[in-house]
Amino acid sequence: MIKYLHGFTSEEQQRLVDQAGFLAPLIYPTVNFAGCRKLLEIGSGVGAQTSVLLRLFPDLHITSVDFSETQLLKAKDNLREFADRVTFVLQDVEQLSLAERFDSAFICWALEHIPNPLLALQQVKKHLIPGASIHITEVFNATFYCRPLSPAMEFYYQKYNEQQVHFGGNPDVGAQLGNLLFQAGFKEIELIHNGFHLDQSNPDELKRFIEFWKILMKSGAPGLLEAGSVSQSDIDLMENDLDRILADENAVFFYQFVQAKAKA
């Protein structure tokens, strides 16, 4: 059973929508489903990425698969204007069973939460026609780097990642995408590194991303508090560290995620 680090509150559901819009300029320049008609999306959640895809590729019909009924109900509401172009499926990808076959697949920020990402990709491949395109975007949390030294941020980040591992996920799954796709039988695998490298040469962008990072980090706070991994003081100190980075003349804020393209 998949466990989700960030929870299923209405605030978290809105965060996913906001995040999709915020990161779209980084994610989608490498995504091309032109000529595709039937796309399988895994871990579609509240439809945040689905909405972006539907707008970018007006010929697509998307089958959105998620393990959470709560998220799918929200997705149906969020995607009302695209009701004739989306099919919602409540299934665990590790046991995926669909009658339809697809000419494309999309996964974004989902494999990190799945206990067996190789099995997930094997199941996806079974549902793709030969030559179908797959595009994946995933986390590589070990790449995070900030200066000045920020012990409270580093402590919180460690606990945040440990919680994901405890839930059966992998906060560095992006680094394994090439191996996973190869082992699942995909070919023509291409890896792309993307993300942000910010400092005081671009203070507005630095501020935007630090504020985004605060929201992302705090999305895991309820679960971390419940588990006893952090205290409210730890959360406050983490936020203070991020504010201190923003104010420092030698600030550096760096993170890389990994994208992969392949053919079935």
Protein backbone atom coordinates (compact mmCIF):
# COMPACT_ATOMS: atom_id res chain seq x y z
CA MET A 1 0.00 0.00 0.00
CA ILE A 2 1.36 3.41 -1.00
CA LYS A 3 1.75 5.97 1.79
CA TYR A 4 1.87 9.64 0.87
CA LEU A 5 4.31 11.89 2.73
CA HIS A 6 2.30 15.07 2.25
CA GLY A 7 -1.17 13.92 3.31
CA PHE A 8 -4.56 14.53 1.72
CA THR A 9 -5.82 17.76 3.26
CA SER A 10 -7.52 20.42 1.16
CA GLU A 11 -4.46 22.62 1.71
CA GLU A 12 -2.21 19.88 0.32
CA GLN A 13 -4.51 19.38 -2.66
CA GLN A 14 -4.24 23.08 -3.49
CA ARG A 15 -0.46 22.98 -2.97
CA LEU A 16 -0.20 20.36 -5.70
CA VAL A 17 -2.08 22.59 -8.13
CA ASP A 18 0.08 25.59 -7.23
CA GLN A 19 3.27 23.53 -7.51
CA ALA A 20 2.34 22.28 -10.98
CA GLY A 21 1.94 25.84 -12.20
CA PHE A 22 5.11 27.03 -10.48
CA LEU A 23 7.35 24.27 -11.85
CA ALA A 24 5.76 23.93 -15.30
CA PRO A 25 8.35 26.23 -16.96
CA LEU A 26 11.07 23.85 -15.76
CA ILE A 27 9.31 20.55 -16.47
CA TYR A 28 7.48 20.92 -19.76
CA PRO A 29 10.03 22.29 -22.26
CA THR A 30 11.32 18.71 -22.60
CA VAL A 31 7.88 17.07 -22.75
CA ASN A 32 6.53 16.39 -26.24
CA PHE A 33 3.42 14.30 -26.86
CA ALA A 34 2.68 15.81 -30.27
CA GLY A 35 1.00 13.18 -32.42
CA CYS A 36 -0.07 11.10 -29.42
CA ARG A 37 -3.74 10.43 -28.77
CA LYS A 38 -4.07 8.16 -25.72
CA LEU A 39 -1.90 8.92 -22.69
CA LEU A 40 -1.62 6.92 -19.47
CA GLU A 41 -0.80 9.09 -16.45
CA ILE A 42 0.35 7.35 -13.28
CA GLY A 43 -0.03 9.00 -9.88
CA SER A 44 -2.27 11.71 -11.28
CA GLY A 45 -3.39 12.89 -7.85
CA VAL A 46 -5.65 15.93 -7.97
CA GLY A 47 -5.10 16.42 -11.71
CA ALA A 48 -2.54 19.19 -11.34
CA GLN A 49 -0.18 17.88 -14.04
CA THR A 50 -3.12 16.49 -16.03
CA SER A 51 -4.44 20.01 -16.47
CA VAL A 52 -1.11 21.21 -17.85
CA LEU A 53 -0.92 18.28 -20.28
CA LEU A 54 -4.48 18.77 -21.53
CA ARG A 55 -3.78 22.42 -22.29
CA LEU A 56 -0.44 21.77 -23.98
CA PHE A 57 -1.64 18.85 -26.10
CA PRO A 58 -5.26 19.38 -27.17
CA ASP A 59 -5.44 16.07 -29.07
CA LEU A 60 -4.73 13.96 -25.98
CA HIS A 61 -7.20 11.85 -24.09
CA ILE A 62 -5.71 11.03 -20.69
CA THR A 63 -6.40 8.03 -18.48
CA SER A 64 -5.49 9.22 -14.99
CA VAL A 65 -4.59 6.48 -12.51
CA ASP A 66 -4.24 7.04 -8.78
CA PHE A 67 -4.50 4.86 -5.66
CA SER A 68 -6.39 7.51 -3.68
CA GLU A 69 -10.13 7.93 -4.14
CA THR A 70 -9.88 11.26 -2.28
CA GLN A 71 -7.43 12.62 -4.82
CA LEU A 72 -9.38 11.35 -7.81
CA LEU A 73 -12.60 12.96 -6.58
CA LYS A 74 -10.73 16.26 -6.32
CA ALA A 75 -9.24 15.71 -9.78
CA LYS A 76 -12.72 15.25 -11.27
CA ASP A 77 -13.72 18.57 -9.78
CA ASN A 78 -10.54 20.34 -10.89
CA LEU A 79 -10.85 19.02 -14.45
CA ARG A 80 -14.56 19.60 -15.03
CA GLU A 81 -13.89 21.58 -18.21
CA PHE A 82 -12.01 18.58 -19.66
CA ALA A 83 -14.56 15.93 -18.64
CA ASP A 84 -14.73 14.47 -22.15
CA ARG A 85 -10.94 14.10 -22.38
CA VAL A 86 -10.13 12.39 -19.07
CA THR A 87 -10.89 8.94 -17.69
CA PHE A 88 -10.25 8.43 -13.97
CA VAL A 89 -9.14 5.04 -12.68
CA LEU A 90 -8.78 4.04 -9.03
CA GLN A 91 -5.97 1.46 -9.01
CA ASP A 92 -2.58 0.73 -7.49
CA VAL A 93 -0.07 0.94 -10.33
CA GLU A 94 1.79 -2.11 -8.98
CA GLN A 95 -1.35 -4.13 -9.79
CA LEU A 96 -2.41 -2.16 -12.87
CA SER A 97 -5.03 -3.88 -15.01
CA LEU A 98 -6.62 -1.92 -17.86
CA ALA A 99 -8.23 -3.17 -21.05
CA GLU A 100 -6.92 -0.26 -23.10
CA ARG A 101 -3.44 0.18 -24.59
CA PHE A 102 -1.79 3.60 -24.88
CA ASP A 103 0.60 5.40 -27.22
CA SER A 104 2.16 7.51 -24.44
CA ALA A 105 2.69 7.62 -20.68
CA PHE A 106 3.53 10.32 -18.16
CA ILE A 107 4.75 10.12 -14.57
CA CYS A 108 5.63 13.15 -12.45
CA TRP A 109 6.58 13.15 -8.76
CA ALA A 110 5.00 9.70 -8.30
CA LEU A 111 7.67 6.99 -8.42
CA GLU A 112 9.25 8.59 -5.35
CA HIS A 113 6.23 7.40 -3.33
CA ILE A 114 5.90 3.90 -4.82
CA PRO A 115 7.53 1.02 -2.89
CA ASN A 116 8.48 -0.90 -6.05
CA PRO A 117 9.09 1.56 -8.90
CA LEU A 118 10.48 -1.17 -11.17
CA LEU A 119 7.27 -3.18 -10.88
CA ALA A 120 5.31 0.02 -11.52
CA LEU A 121 7.22 0.66 -14.76
CA GLN A 122 6.86 -2.97 -15.83
CA GLN A 123 3.12 -2.68 -15.36
CA VAL A 124 3.03 0.57 -17.33
CA LYS A 125 4.98 -0.98 -20.20
CA LYS A 126 2.45 -3.83 -20.45
CA HIS A 127 -0.19 -1.21 -21.20
CA LEU A 128 1.77 0.59 -23.95
CA ILE A 129 1.84 -0.17 -27.65
CA PRO A 130 5.29 -0.84 -29.18
CA GLY A 131 7.12 2.42 -29.76
CA ALA A 132 4.99 4.38 -27.29
CA SER A 133 6.67 7.34 -25.59
CA ILE A 134 7.09 7.64 -21.83
CA HIS A 135 8.20 10.77 -20.00
CA ILE A 136 9.09 10.78 -16.30
CA THR A 137 10.08 13.59 -13.92
CA GLU A 138 11.35 12.58 -10.49
CA VAL A 139 13.11 13.86 -7.40
CA PHE A 140 16.82 13.58 -6.60
CA ASN A 141 16.77 15.07 -3.11
CA ALA A 142 20.44 14.37 -2.37
CA THR A 143 21.34 17.17 -4.79
CA PHE A 144 19.94 19.90 -2.53
CA TYR A 145 22.61 22.43 -1.55
CA CYS A 146 22.31 25.74 0.22
CA ARG A 147 24.65 28.32 1.69
CA PRO A 148 25.22 29.75 4.23
CA LEU A 149 25.32 26.59 6.33
CA SER A 150 21.84 26.02 7.69
CA PRO A 151 21.81 23.32 10.39
CA ALA A 152 18.10 23.60 11.15
CA MET A 153 17.21 23.31 7.47
CA GLU A 154 19.56 20.35 7.08
CA PHE A 155 18.11 18.60 10.15
CA TYR A 156 14.54 19.06 8.98
CA TYR A 157 15.42 17.96 5.43
CA GLN A 158 17.04 14.81 6.79
CA LYS A 159 13.92 13.94 8.78
CA TYR A 160 11.70 14.78 5.80
CA ASN A 161 13.60 12.35 3.58
CA GLU A 162 13.81 9.68 6.28
CA GLN A 163 10.02 9.80 6.62
CA GLN A 164 9.62 9.17 2.91
CA VAL A 165 11.94 6.16 3.15
CA HIS A 166 9.99 4.93 6.19
CA PHE A 167 6.83 5.08 4.07
CA GLY A 168 8.50 2.87 1.44
CA GLY A 169 9.43 5.64 -0.96
CA ASN A 170 12.73 6.82 -2.39
CA PRO A 171 13.65 10.53 -2.26
CA ASP A 172 16.48 9.91 -4.74
CA VAL A 173 14.60 7.76 -7.25
CA GLY A 174 15.43 10.22 -10.03
CA ALA A 175 19.02 9.00 -9.99
CA GLN A 176 17.79 5.47 -10.80
CA LEU A 177 15.48 6.31 -13.70
CA GLY A 178 17.86 5.04 -16.38
CA ASN A 179 18.37 1.70 -14.64
CA LEU A 180 14.68 1.32 -13.87
CA LEU A 181 13.57 2.01 -17.43
CA PHE A 182 16.20 -0.35 -18.84
CA GLN A 183 15.28 -3.13 -16.42
CA ALA A 184 11.59 -2.65 -17.25
CA GLY A 185 12.34 -3.23 -20.93
CA PHE A 186 12.23 0.31 -22.30
CA LYS A 187 14.66 1.49 -24.98
CA GLU A 188 16.04 4.75 -26.44
CA ILE A 189 16.43 6.01 -22.87
CA GLU A 190 17.45 9.65 -22.48
CA LEU A 191 18.17 11.34 -19.14
CA ILE A 192 17.89 15.08 -18.57
CA HIS A 193 18.95 17.01 -15.47
CA ASN A 194 16.90 20.04 -14.56
CA GLY A 195 16.21 22.27 -11.59
CA PHE A 196 17.50 25.54 -10.23
CA HIS A 197 20.80 27.15 -9.22
CA LEU A 198 20.06 30.49 -7.63
CA ASP A 199 22.02 33.20 -5.84
CA GLN A 200 21.99 36.94 -5.27
CA SER A 201 22.66 37.62 -8.95
CA ASN A 202 18.92 37.01 -9.36
CA PRO A 203 17.33 37.96 -6.02
CA ASP A 204 13.74 37.86 -7.23
CA GLU A 205 14.03 34.28 -8.43
CA LEU A 206 15.92 33.34 -5.27
CA LYS A 207 13.06 34.68 -3.18
CA ARG A 208 10.42 32.93 -5.29
CA PHE A 209 12.08 29.56 -4.97
CA ILE A 210 12.85 29.87 -1.27
CA GLU A 211 9.19 30.68 -0.62
CA PHE A 212 8.22 27.68 -2.76
CA TRP A 213 10.66 25.52 -0.79
CA LYS A 214 9.17 26.63 2.52
CA ILE A 215 5.73 25.53 1.41
CA LEU A 216 7.09 22.22 0.11
CA MET A 217 8.94 21.50 3.34
CA LYS A 218 5.99 22.44 5.53
CA SER A 219 3.71 20.12 3.55
CA GLY A 220 5.43 17.24 5.32
CA ALA A 221 5.24 18.86 8.76
CA PRO A 222 1.96 17.32 10.03
CA GLY A 223 3.22 13.79 9.42
CA LEU A 224 6.64 14.55 10.88
CA LEU A 225 5.06 16.05 13.99
CA GLU A 226 2.74 13.07 14.36
CA ALA A 227 5.69 10.68 14.05
CA GLY A 228 7.67 12.64 16.64
CA SER A 229 10.47 13.20 14.14
CA VAL A 230 10.44 16.98 14.55
CA SER A 231 9.00 19.56 16.94
CA GLN A 232 7.25 22.82 16.14
CA SER A 233 10.47 24.53 17.16
CA ASP A 234 12.34 22.53 14.49
CA ILE A 235 9.86 23.73 11.88
CA ASP A 236 10.21 27.35 12.97
CA LEU A 237 14.00 27.13 12.95
CA MET A 238 13.93 25.58 9.46
CA GLU A 239 11.91 28.55 8.21
CA ASN A 240 14.29 30.95 9.95
CA ASP A 241 17.24 29.31 8.20
CA LEU A 242 15.57 29.80 4.82
CA ASP A 243 14.96 33.47 5.62
CA ARG A 244 18.62 33.78 6.60
CA ILE A 245 19.73 32.28 3.28
CA LEU A 246 17.59 34.79 1.42
CA ALA A 247 19.22 37.70 3.27
CA ASP A 248 22.82 36.51 2.89
CA GLU A 249 24.96 38.25 0.26
CA ASN A 250 26.62 34.92 -0.60
CA ALA A 251 23.40 32.91 -0.72
CA VAL A 252 23.30 29.77 -2.89
CA PHE A 253 20.19 27.65 -3.43
CA PHE A 254 20.54 24.60 -5.66
CA TYR A 255 18.45 21.54 -6.52
CA GLN A 256 18.35 19.12 -9.44
CA PHE A 257 15.57 16.77 -10.45
CA VAL A 258 15.84 14.17 -13.20
CA GLN A 259 13.72 13.68 -16.30
CA ALA A 260 13.73 10.61 -18.50
CA LYS A 261 12.37 9.86 -21.96
CA ALA A 262 12.12 6.39 -23.45
CA LYS A 263 10.26 4.17 -25.91
CA ALA A 264 8.29 1.03 -25.16
